N, C-alpha and C. Protein backbone atom coordinates (compact mmCIF):
# COMPACT_ATOMS: atom_id res chain seq x y z
N MET A 1 0.84 -1.19 0.00
CA MET A 1 0.00 0.00 0.00
C MET A 1 0.87 1.23 0.00
N SER A 2 0.45 2.20 -0.76
CA SER A 2 1.14 3.48 -0.79
C SER A 2 0.88 4.24 0.51
N ALA A 3 1.95 4.69 1.15
CA ALA A 3 1.78 5.50 2.36
C ALA A 3 1.02 6.77 2.05
N ALA A 4 1.16 7.26 0.81
CA ALA A 4 0.46 8.48 0.41
C ALA A 4 -1.05 8.28 0.44
N LEU A 5 -1.53 7.07 0.22
CA LEU A 5 -2.98 6.82 0.26
C LEU A 5 -3.52 6.76 1.68
N ALA A 6 -2.67 6.38 2.64
CA ALA A 6 -3.16 6.19 4.01
C ALA A 6 -3.59 7.51 4.65
N ASP A 7 -2.79 8.54 4.50
CA ASP A 7 -3.10 9.83 5.14
C ASP A 7 -2.80 10.94 4.14
N ARG A 8 -3.61 11.98 4.17
CA ARG A 8 -3.37 13.13 3.31
C ARG A 8 -4.12 14.34 3.84
N ARG A 9 -3.78 15.47 3.29
CA ARG A 9 -4.44 16.72 3.65
C ARG A 9 -5.05 17.33 2.41
N THR A 10 -6.16 17.99 2.63
CA THR A 10 -6.75 18.84 1.61
C THR A 10 -6.63 20.25 2.20
N PRO A 11 -7.08 21.27 1.51
CA PRO A 11 -6.96 22.61 2.10
C PRO A 11 -7.58 22.75 3.49
N ARG A 12 -8.67 22.00 3.77
CA ARG A 12 -9.34 22.17 5.06
C ARG A 12 -9.56 20.89 5.84
N LEU A 13 -9.08 19.76 5.33
CA LEU A 13 -9.32 18.48 6.00
C LEU A 13 -8.03 17.69 6.18
N LEU A 14 -7.97 16.98 7.28
CA LEU A 14 -6.97 15.95 7.48
C LEU A 14 -7.69 14.63 7.25
N LEU A 15 -7.19 13.84 6.32
CA LEU A 15 -7.78 12.55 5.99
C LEU A 15 -6.83 11.46 6.47
N GLU A 16 -7.33 10.58 7.33
CA GLU A 16 -6.52 9.52 7.90
C GLU A 16 -7.19 8.17 7.68
N ARG A 17 -6.37 7.17 7.38
CA ARG A 17 -6.88 5.81 7.23
C ARG A 17 -7.71 5.45 8.46
N ILE A 18 -8.91 4.95 8.22
CA ILE A 18 -9.81 4.62 9.32
C ILE A 18 -9.22 3.50 10.16
N GLY A 19 -9.41 3.60 11.46
CA GLY A 19 -8.93 2.58 12.39
C GLY A 19 -9.94 2.38 13.51
N ILE A 20 -9.73 1.38 14.31
CA ILE A 20 -10.66 1.08 15.40
C ILE A 20 -10.73 2.24 16.38
N ARG A 21 -9.67 3.05 16.45
CA ARG A 21 -9.65 4.24 17.32
C ARG A 21 -10.77 5.22 16.95
N ASP A 22 -11.27 5.13 15.71
CA ASP A 22 -12.30 6.05 15.21
C ASP A 22 -13.71 5.58 15.51
N LEU A 23 -13.84 4.41 16.12
CA LEU A 23 -15.16 3.84 16.38
C LEU A 23 -16.08 4.79 17.16
N PRO A 24 -15.64 5.45 18.23
CA PRO A 24 -16.57 6.35 18.95
C PRO A 24 -17.13 7.47 18.05
N ASP A 25 -16.30 8.06 17.20
CA ASP A 25 -16.79 9.11 16.30
C ASP A 25 -17.79 8.55 15.29
N ILE A 26 -17.49 7.40 14.73
CA ILE A 26 -18.40 6.78 13.74
C ILE A 26 -19.69 6.35 14.42
N GLU A 27 -19.61 5.83 15.65
CA GLU A 27 -20.83 5.46 16.37
C GLU A 27 -21.75 6.67 16.57
N ARG A 28 -21.17 7.82 16.97
CA ARG A 28 -21.99 9.02 17.15
C ARG A 28 -22.61 9.44 15.81
N MET A 29 -21.82 9.38 14.75
CA MET A 29 -22.32 9.77 13.42
C MET A 29 -23.47 8.86 13.00
N GLN A 30 -23.30 7.55 13.18
CA GLN A 30 -24.29 6.60 12.69
C GLN A 30 -25.49 6.44 13.62
N ALA A 31 -25.45 7.07 14.78
CA ALA A 31 -26.60 7.08 15.67
C ALA A 31 -27.47 8.32 15.45
N ASP A 32 -26.98 9.25 14.62
CA ASP A 32 -27.68 10.52 14.39
C ASP A 32 -28.63 10.40 13.20
N ALA A 33 -29.92 10.55 13.45
CA ALA A 33 -30.93 10.38 12.40
C ALA A 33 -30.76 11.37 11.26
N GLN A 34 -30.42 12.61 11.58
CA GLN A 34 -30.27 13.62 10.53
C GLN A 34 -29.11 13.25 9.59
N THR A 35 -27.99 12.85 10.16
CA THR A 35 -26.83 12.46 9.37
C THR A 35 -27.13 11.24 8.52
N MET A 36 -27.78 10.26 9.10
CA MET A 36 -27.95 8.97 8.45
C MET A 36 -29.18 8.89 7.55
N ALA A 37 -29.94 9.98 7.45
CA ALA A 37 -31.14 9.96 6.62
C ALA A 37 -30.85 9.59 5.17
N THR A 38 -29.66 9.93 4.67
CA THR A 38 -29.31 9.60 3.29
C THR A 38 -28.16 8.59 3.22
N LEU A 39 -27.77 8.03 4.36
CA LEU A 39 -26.63 7.10 4.40
C LEU A 39 -27.03 5.71 4.91
N GLY A 40 -28.26 5.31 4.64
CA GLY A 40 -28.68 3.96 4.99
C GLY A 40 -29.38 3.81 6.31
N GLY A 41 -29.64 4.92 7.00
CA GLY A 41 -30.38 4.86 8.25
C GLY A 41 -29.49 4.69 9.46
N VAL A 42 -30.05 4.98 10.61
CA VAL A 42 -29.35 4.89 11.89
C VAL A 42 -28.90 3.45 12.12
N ARG A 43 -27.70 3.32 12.66
CA ARG A 43 -27.16 1.99 12.98
C ARG A 43 -26.80 1.93 14.45
N ASP A 44 -27.01 0.75 15.04
CA ASP A 44 -26.66 0.56 16.44
C ASP A 44 -25.15 0.31 16.57
N PRO A 45 -24.63 0.35 17.81
CA PRO A 45 -23.19 0.18 18.00
C PRO A 45 -22.63 -1.12 17.41
N ALA A 46 -23.36 -2.22 17.51
CA ALA A 46 -22.86 -3.49 16.98
C ALA A 46 -22.73 -3.44 15.46
N ALA A 47 -23.74 -2.89 14.79
CA ALA A 47 -23.69 -2.77 13.33
C ALA A 47 -22.57 -1.81 12.91
N THR A 48 -22.42 -0.73 13.65
CA THR A 48 -21.37 0.24 13.35
C THR A 48 -19.99 -0.39 13.52
N ARG A 49 -19.79 -1.15 14.57
CA ARG A 49 -18.51 -1.82 14.79
C ARG A 49 -18.22 -2.76 13.62
N GLY A 50 -19.23 -3.50 13.17
CA GLY A 50 -19.05 -4.40 12.03
C GLY A 50 -18.64 -3.65 10.77
N MET A 51 -19.25 -2.49 10.56
CA MET A 51 -18.89 -1.68 9.38
C MET A 51 -17.45 -1.18 9.49
N VAL A 52 -17.08 -0.66 10.65
CA VAL A 52 -15.72 -0.15 10.82
C VAL A 52 -14.71 -1.27 10.63
N GLU A 53 -15.01 -2.44 11.18
CA GLU A 53 -14.10 -3.59 10.99
C GLU A 53 -14.00 -3.96 9.51
N ALA A 54 -15.11 -3.89 8.78
CA ALA A 54 -15.08 -4.18 7.34
C ALA A 54 -14.28 -3.12 6.59
N TRP A 55 -14.41 -1.85 6.99
CA TRP A 55 -13.63 -0.79 6.35
C TRP A 55 -12.13 -0.96 6.61
N ILE A 56 -11.77 -1.39 7.80
CA ILE A 56 -10.37 -1.66 8.13
C ILE A 56 -9.86 -2.83 7.28
N ALA A 57 -10.66 -3.88 7.18
CA ALA A 57 -10.29 -5.05 6.37
C ALA A 57 -10.15 -4.66 4.89
N HIS A 58 -10.98 -3.74 4.41
CA HIS A 58 -10.89 -3.28 3.02
C HIS A 58 -9.51 -2.67 2.78
N TRP A 59 -9.05 -1.83 3.70
CA TRP A 59 -7.71 -1.24 3.57
C TRP A 59 -6.65 -2.34 3.50
N GLU A 60 -6.76 -3.32 4.39
CA GLU A 60 -5.77 -4.40 4.44
C GLU A 60 -5.77 -5.23 3.16
N GLN A 61 -6.95 -5.47 2.61
CA GLN A 61 -7.06 -6.30 1.41
C GLN A 61 -6.69 -5.56 0.14
N HIS A 62 -7.09 -4.28 0.03
CA HIS A 62 -6.96 -3.57 -1.25
C HIS A 62 -5.92 -2.45 -1.26
N GLY A 63 -5.46 -2.03 -0.10
CA GLY A 63 -4.47 -0.95 -0.04
C GLY A 63 -5.06 0.44 -0.18
N PHE A 64 -6.37 0.53 -0.12
CA PHE A 64 -7.07 1.82 -0.11
C PHE A 64 -8.40 1.61 0.57
N GLY A 65 -9.06 2.72 0.89
CA GLY A 65 -10.35 2.60 1.56
C GLY A 65 -10.86 3.94 2.02
N LEU A 66 -11.63 3.91 3.09
CA LEU A 66 -12.22 5.13 3.62
C LEU A 66 -11.28 5.80 4.60
N TRP A 67 -11.32 7.11 4.59
CA TRP A 67 -10.58 7.94 5.53
C TRP A 67 -11.55 8.51 6.56
N ILE A 68 -11.02 8.84 7.73
CA ILE A 68 -11.72 9.69 8.68
C ILE A 68 -11.35 11.11 8.28
N ALA A 69 -12.34 11.98 8.22
CA ALA A 69 -12.10 13.38 7.87
C ALA A 69 -12.19 14.22 9.14
N ARG A 70 -11.11 14.95 9.40
CA ARG A 70 -11.07 15.85 10.56
C ARG A 70 -10.81 17.27 10.07
N ASP A 71 -11.42 18.22 10.75
CA ASP A 71 -11.18 19.63 10.44
C ASP A 71 -9.70 19.92 10.66
N LEU A 72 -9.05 20.43 9.64
CA LEU A 72 -7.60 20.66 9.71
C LEU A 72 -7.25 21.68 10.78
N ALA A 73 -8.10 22.68 10.98
CA ALA A 73 -7.80 23.74 11.94
C ALA A 73 -7.99 23.30 13.39
N THR A 74 -9.02 22.47 13.64
CA THR A 74 -9.37 22.14 15.03
C THR A 74 -9.16 20.68 15.40
N GLY A 75 -9.06 19.81 14.41
CA GLY A 75 -8.96 18.37 14.66
C GLY A 75 -10.30 17.71 14.93
N ALA A 76 -11.39 18.48 14.87
CA ALA A 76 -12.71 17.93 15.15
C ALA A 76 -13.12 16.92 14.07
N PHE A 77 -13.79 15.87 14.50
CA PHE A 77 -14.33 14.87 13.58
C PHE A 77 -15.38 15.51 12.69
N ALA A 78 -15.23 15.38 11.38
CA ALA A 78 -16.17 15.97 10.43
C ALA A 78 -16.98 14.91 9.69
N GLY A 79 -16.38 13.74 9.44
CA GLY A 79 -17.07 12.70 8.70
C GLY A 79 -16.11 11.63 8.23
N ARG A 80 -16.52 10.96 7.15
CA ARG A 80 -15.69 9.91 6.58
C ARG A 80 -15.94 9.84 5.08
N GLY A 81 -14.97 9.28 4.37
CA GLY A 81 -15.13 9.12 2.93
C GLY A 81 -13.86 8.59 2.30
N GLY A 82 -13.93 8.34 1.02
CA GLY A 82 -12.78 7.82 0.29
C GLY A 82 -13.23 6.88 -0.82
N LEU A 83 -12.44 5.86 -1.06
CA LEU A 83 -12.69 4.90 -2.13
C LEU A 83 -12.96 3.53 -1.55
N LYS A 84 -13.93 2.83 -2.13
CA LYS A 84 -14.19 1.47 -1.68
C LYS A 84 -14.87 0.65 -2.75
N HIS A 85 -14.66 -0.64 -2.67
CA HIS A 85 -15.35 -1.57 -3.57
C HIS A 85 -16.83 -1.60 -3.18
N ALA A 86 -17.69 -1.65 -4.17
CA ALA A 86 -19.13 -1.76 -3.93
C ALA A 86 -19.76 -2.45 -5.13
N VAL A 87 -20.85 -3.14 -4.88
CA VAL A 87 -21.66 -3.69 -5.96
C VAL A 87 -22.83 -2.75 -6.12
N VAL A 88 -22.92 -2.15 -7.31
CA VAL A 88 -23.96 -1.15 -7.58
C VAL A 88 -24.67 -1.53 -8.87
N GLY A 89 -25.98 -1.65 -8.80
CA GLY A 89 -26.73 -2.04 -9.99
C GLY A 89 -26.28 -3.38 -10.54
N GLY A 90 -25.84 -4.27 -9.62
CA GLY A 90 -25.43 -5.61 -10.02
C GLY A 90 -24.01 -5.71 -10.55
N ARG A 91 -23.24 -4.61 -10.54
CA ARG A 91 -21.87 -4.62 -11.08
C ARG A 91 -20.87 -4.25 -10.00
N PRO A 92 -19.70 -4.89 -10.00
CA PRO A 92 -18.64 -4.45 -9.08
C PRO A 92 -18.06 -3.12 -9.56
N GLU A 93 -17.91 -2.20 -8.64
CA GLU A 93 -17.43 -0.85 -8.96
C GLU A 93 -16.48 -0.39 -7.86
N ILE A 94 -15.77 0.70 -8.14
CA ILE A 94 -15.03 1.42 -7.10
C ILE A 94 -15.80 2.72 -6.88
N GLU A 95 -16.28 2.89 -5.67
CA GLU A 95 -17.13 4.01 -5.31
C GLU A 95 -16.34 5.11 -4.61
N VAL A 96 -16.65 6.34 -4.96
CA VAL A 96 -16.23 7.49 -4.17
C VAL A 96 -17.36 7.73 -3.18
N ALA A 97 -17.05 7.55 -1.89
CA ALA A 97 -18.06 7.68 -0.84
C ALA A 97 -17.70 8.84 0.07
N TYR A 98 -18.72 9.46 0.63
CA TYR A 98 -18.49 10.54 1.59
C TYR A 98 -19.73 10.73 2.43
N GLY A 99 -19.51 11.14 3.66
CA GLY A 99 -20.59 11.47 4.57
C GLY A 99 -20.04 12.34 5.68
N PHE A 100 -20.76 13.39 6.00
CA PHE A 100 -20.33 14.35 7.02
C PHE A 100 -21.42 14.55 8.06
N VAL A 101 -21.00 14.93 9.25
CA VAL A 101 -21.97 15.26 10.30
C VAL A 101 -22.51 16.67 10.01
N PRO A 102 -23.75 16.96 10.44
CA PRO A 102 -24.40 18.22 10.08
C PRO A 102 -23.61 19.49 10.37
N ALA A 103 -22.81 19.50 11.42
CA ALA A 103 -22.04 20.71 11.76
C ALA A 103 -21.08 21.10 10.64
N PHE A 104 -20.80 20.16 9.73
CA PHE A 104 -19.85 20.42 8.64
C PHE A 104 -20.53 20.46 7.27
N TRP A 105 -21.85 20.43 7.23
CA TRP A 105 -22.57 20.51 5.96
C TRP A 105 -22.50 21.93 5.40
N GLY A 106 -22.62 22.04 4.09
CA GLY A 106 -22.75 23.35 3.44
C GLY A 106 -21.45 24.14 3.34
N ARG A 107 -20.32 23.51 3.57
CA ARG A 107 -19.04 24.20 3.52
C ARG A 107 -18.18 23.80 2.32
N GLY A 108 -18.69 22.89 1.49
CA GLY A 108 -17.89 22.42 0.36
C GLY A 108 -16.91 21.32 0.73
N LEU A 109 -17.00 20.77 1.93
CA LEU A 109 -16.05 19.75 2.37
C LEU A 109 -16.28 18.41 1.68
N ALA A 110 -17.52 18.08 1.37
CA ALA A 110 -17.78 16.83 0.63
C ALA A 110 -17.12 16.89 -0.74
N THR A 111 -17.20 18.06 -1.38
CA THR A 111 -16.55 18.23 -2.68
C THR A 111 -15.04 18.09 -2.53
N GLU A 112 -14.48 18.67 -1.49
CA GLU A 112 -13.04 18.60 -1.24
C GLU A 112 -12.61 17.15 -1.03
N LEU A 113 -13.37 16.40 -0.24
CA LEU A 113 -13.04 15.00 0.00
C LEU A 113 -13.22 14.17 -1.27
N ALA A 114 -14.29 14.43 -2.01
CA ALA A 114 -14.51 13.69 -3.26
C ALA A 114 -13.39 13.96 -4.27
N GLU A 115 -12.94 15.21 -4.36
CA GLU A 115 -11.84 15.53 -5.27
C GLU A 115 -10.56 14.79 -4.87
N ALA A 116 -10.27 14.72 -3.58
CA ALA A 116 -9.08 13.99 -3.11
C ALA A 116 -9.21 12.51 -3.44
N SER A 117 -10.41 11.97 -3.32
CA SER A 117 -10.65 10.56 -3.62
C SER A 117 -10.45 10.28 -5.10
N VAL A 118 -11.01 11.14 -5.94
CA VAL A 118 -10.87 10.98 -7.38
C VAL A 118 -9.40 11.05 -7.79
N ARG A 119 -8.70 12.02 -7.24
CA ARG A 119 -7.27 12.17 -7.55
C ARG A 119 -6.52 10.90 -7.17
N ALA A 120 -6.78 10.36 -5.99
CA ALA A 120 -6.13 9.12 -5.56
C ALA A 120 -6.48 7.96 -6.49
N GLY A 121 -7.74 7.88 -6.87
CA GLY A 121 -8.18 6.79 -7.74
C GLY A 121 -7.54 6.83 -9.12
N PHE A 122 -7.42 8.01 -9.69
CA PHE A 122 -6.89 8.11 -11.05
C PHE A 122 -5.38 8.28 -11.10
N GLU A 123 -4.81 9.09 -10.22
CA GLU A 123 -3.37 9.33 -10.28
C GLU A 123 -2.56 8.24 -9.59
N GLU A 124 -3.04 7.74 -8.47
CA GLU A 124 -2.23 6.78 -7.72
C GLU A 124 -2.64 5.33 -7.97
N LEU A 125 -3.92 5.06 -8.05
CA LEU A 125 -4.38 3.69 -8.29
C LEU A 125 -4.53 3.37 -9.77
N ARG A 126 -4.51 4.40 -10.60
CA ARG A 126 -4.60 4.24 -12.06
C ARG A 126 -5.87 3.51 -12.50
N LEU A 127 -6.97 3.82 -11.84
CA LEU A 127 -8.26 3.22 -12.19
C LEU A 127 -8.79 3.82 -13.48
N ASP A 128 -9.61 3.06 -14.18
CA ASP A 128 -10.20 3.54 -15.43
C ASP A 128 -11.41 4.44 -15.19
N ASP A 129 -12.19 4.10 -14.16
CA ASP A 129 -13.36 4.91 -13.86
C ASP A 129 -13.75 4.73 -12.40
N LEU A 130 -14.60 5.62 -11.94
CA LEU A 130 -15.12 5.62 -10.57
C LEU A 130 -16.60 5.91 -10.63
N VAL A 131 -17.33 5.48 -9.61
CA VAL A 131 -18.75 5.80 -9.52
C VAL A 131 -19.05 6.49 -8.20
N CYS A 132 -20.14 7.20 -8.19
CA CYS A 132 -20.79 7.75 -7.00
C CYS A 132 -22.26 7.45 -7.15
N PHE A 133 -22.96 7.30 -6.04
CA PHE A 133 -24.41 7.13 -6.13
C PHE A 133 -25.04 7.66 -4.86
N THR A 134 -26.28 8.07 -5.01
CA THR A 134 -27.03 8.60 -3.88
C THR A 134 -28.52 8.42 -4.15
N LEU A 135 -29.30 8.61 -3.13
CA LEU A 135 -30.75 8.56 -3.29
C LEU A 135 -31.20 9.56 -4.34
N THR A 136 -32.27 9.22 -5.03
CA THR A 136 -32.78 10.11 -6.07
C THR A 136 -33.20 11.47 -5.51
N THR A 137 -33.49 11.53 -4.22
CA THR A 137 -33.94 12.77 -3.59
C THR A 137 -32.80 13.61 -3.01
N ASN A 138 -31.58 13.09 -3.00
CA ASN A 138 -30.47 13.79 -2.34
C ASN A 138 -29.77 14.71 -3.34
N ARG A 139 -30.38 15.84 -3.59
CA ARG A 139 -29.84 16.78 -4.58
C ARG A 139 -28.50 17.37 -4.15
N ALA A 140 -28.28 17.56 -2.86
CA ALA A 140 -27.00 18.12 -2.40
C ALA A 140 -25.84 17.19 -2.77
N SER A 141 -26.02 15.91 -2.56
CA SER A 141 -24.96 14.95 -2.90
C SER A 141 -24.78 14.85 -4.42
N GLN A 142 -25.88 14.90 -5.15
CA GLN A 142 -25.79 14.88 -6.62
C GLN A 142 -24.98 16.08 -7.11
N ARG A 143 -25.18 17.23 -6.49
CA ARG A 143 -24.44 18.44 -6.86
C ARG A 143 -22.95 18.28 -6.60
N VAL A 144 -22.58 17.65 -5.49
CA VAL A 144 -21.17 17.36 -5.21
C VAL A 144 -20.58 16.53 -6.34
N MET A 145 -21.28 15.48 -6.73
CA MET A 145 -20.81 14.60 -7.80
C MET A 145 -20.61 15.38 -9.10
N GLU A 146 -21.55 16.22 -9.43
CA GLU A 146 -21.46 17.00 -10.66
C GLU A 146 -20.30 17.99 -10.60
N LYS A 147 -20.08 18.63 -9.46
CA LYS A 147 -18.98 19.60 -9.32
C LYS A 147 -17.63 18.93 -9.51
N VAL A 148 -17.52 17.67 -9.10
CA VAL A 148 -16.25 16.95 -9.23
C VAL A 148 -16.06 16.41 -10.65
N GLY A 149 -17.13 16.37 -11.44
CA GLY A 149 -17.01 15.93 -12.83
C GLY A 149 -17.77 14.67 -13.18
N PHE A 150 -18.43 14.07 -12.20
CA PHE A 150 -19.21 12.86 -12.48
C PHE A 150 -20.42 13.22 -13.34
N ALA A 151 -20.80 12.28 -14.21
CA ALA A 151 -21.98 12.45 -15.06
C ALA A 151 -23.02 11.40 -14.71
N PHE A 152 -24.28 11.81 -14.67
CA PHE A 152 -25.36 10.87 -14.40
C PHE A 152 -25.36 9.78 -15.46
N GLU A 153 -25.45 8.54 -15.00
CA GLU A 153 -25.47 7.40 -15.93
C GLU A 153 -26.85 6.75 -15.99
N ARG A 154 -27.40 6.41 -14.81
CA ARG A 154 -28.71 5.75 -14.80
C ARG A 154 -29.20 5.63 -13.36
N GLU A 155 -30.46 5.29 -13.21
CA GLU A 155 -30.98 4.97 -11.90
C GLU A 155 -30.77 3.49 -11.64
N VAL A 156 -30.46 3.17 -10.38
CA VAL A 156 -30.23 1.78 -9.97
C VAL A 156 -30.93 1.54 -8.64
N GLU A 157 -31.14 0.28 -8.35
CA GLU A 157 -31.64 -0.07 -7.03
C GLU A 157 -30.44 -0.48 -6.18
N HIS A 158 -30.34 0.12 -5.01
CA HIS A 158 -29.27 -0.21 -4.07
C HIS A 158 -29.88 -0.20 -2.68
N ALA A 159 -29.63 -1.25 -1.92
CA ALA A 159 -30.20 -1.39 -0.57
C ALA A 159 -31.72 -1.21 -0.60
N ASN A 160 -32.34 -1.76 -1.64
CA ASN A 160 -33.79 -1.73 -1.82
C ASN A 160 -34.37 -0.33 -2.00
N LEU A 161 -33.55 0.62 -2.44
CA LEU A 161 -34.00 1.99 -2.68
C LEU A 161 -33.47 2.47 -4.03
N ARG A 162 -34.22 3.37 -4.67
CA ARG A 162 -33.78 3.94 -5.95
C ARG A 162 -32.66 4.95 -5.69
N HIS A 163 -31.61 4.82 -6.48
CA HIS A 163 -30.45 5.72 -6.40
C HIS A 163 -30.12 6.23 -7.80
N ARG A 164 -29.44 7.35 -7.84
CA ARG A 164 -28.88 7.89 -9.08
C ARG A 164 -27.40 7.53 -9.10
N LEU A 165 -26.99 6.84 -10.15
CA LEU A 165 -25.60 6.41 -10.32
C LEU A 165 -24.90 7.39 -11.25
N TYR A 166 -23.76 7.88 -10.81
CA TYR A 166 -22.92 8.78 -11.58
C TYR A 166 -21.59 8.09 -11.85
N ARG A 167 -20.97 8.40 -12.99
CA ARG A 167 -19.68 7.79 -13.34
C ARG A 167 -18.74 8.88 -13.83
N LEU A 168 -17.45 8.67 -13.56
CA LEU A 168 -16.40 9.54 -14.07
C LEU A 168 -15.30 8.66 -14.62
N HIS A 169 -14.97 8.84 -15.89
CA HIS A 169 -13.87 8.11 -16.53
C HIS A 169 -12.58 8.90 -16.36
N ALA A 170 -11.48 8.17 -16.24
CA ALA A 170 -10.18 8.81 -16.04
C ALA A 170 -9.87 9.79 -17.16
N ALA A 171 -10.16 9.42 -18.40
CA ALA A 171 -9.85 10.31 -19.54
C ALA A 171 -10.65 11.61 -19.44
N ALA A 172 -11.91 11.52 -19.05
CA ALA A 172 -12.74 12.73 -18.90
C ALA A 172 -12.20 13.60 -17.77
N TRP A 173 -11.77 12.97 -16.67
CA TRP A 173 -11.21 13.72 -15.54
C TRP A 173 -9.93 14.44 -15.96
N ARG A 174 -9.08 13.75 -16.72
CA ARG A 174 -7.84 14.40 -17.17
C ARG A 174 -8.17 15.60 -18.07
N ASP A 175 -9.19 15.46 -18.91
CA ASP A 175 -9.61 16.60 -19.76
C ASP A 175 -10.10 17.77 -18.90
N LEU A 176 -10.83 17.46 -17.84
CA LEU A 176 -11.32 18.51 -16.94
C LEU A 176 -10.17 19.22 -16.22
N ALA A 177 -9.12 18.45 -15.91
CA ALA A 177 -8.00 19.00 -15.14
C ALA A 177 -7.10 19.90 -15.99
N LYS A 178 -7.25 19.85 -17.30
CA LYS A 178 -6.38 20.66 -18.18
C LYS A 178 -6.69 22.12 -18.06
């Protein structure tokens, strides 16, 4: 695994490879109904622990995964995001994922984290394409995807709910970066 993928900074975020030390922050995030309204619903501590353990295992297996996002100025927990394997619409994909607690909404931080994820996926992992998806009603997340360069591809069913699937190809991203 590239050490550069484990930890990085954006202009306003410190991104660190997720670890079991982050469980209390993730538990608080996943117990909050407002936060989890578009992220699969509230989860209890046991389910959250299972997810964190799976995210840690993803890093160990693939050499990349989700980061914990902390406010660079204060160190406060802001959310989580990064790259992960997912089956979407029946196909294996590499997803750009992100989720923030409400205190950090509306600041452009999801876009910042998504941009760092895309850069890692295309520049360091040399992936051909990436996907993002969200509920059909989550216009804020769709806007993040569009700002980063993702294009709407189709609607899919994920976790028994309709989602909008967006895709970004490496060649299109390189054209955008010019």
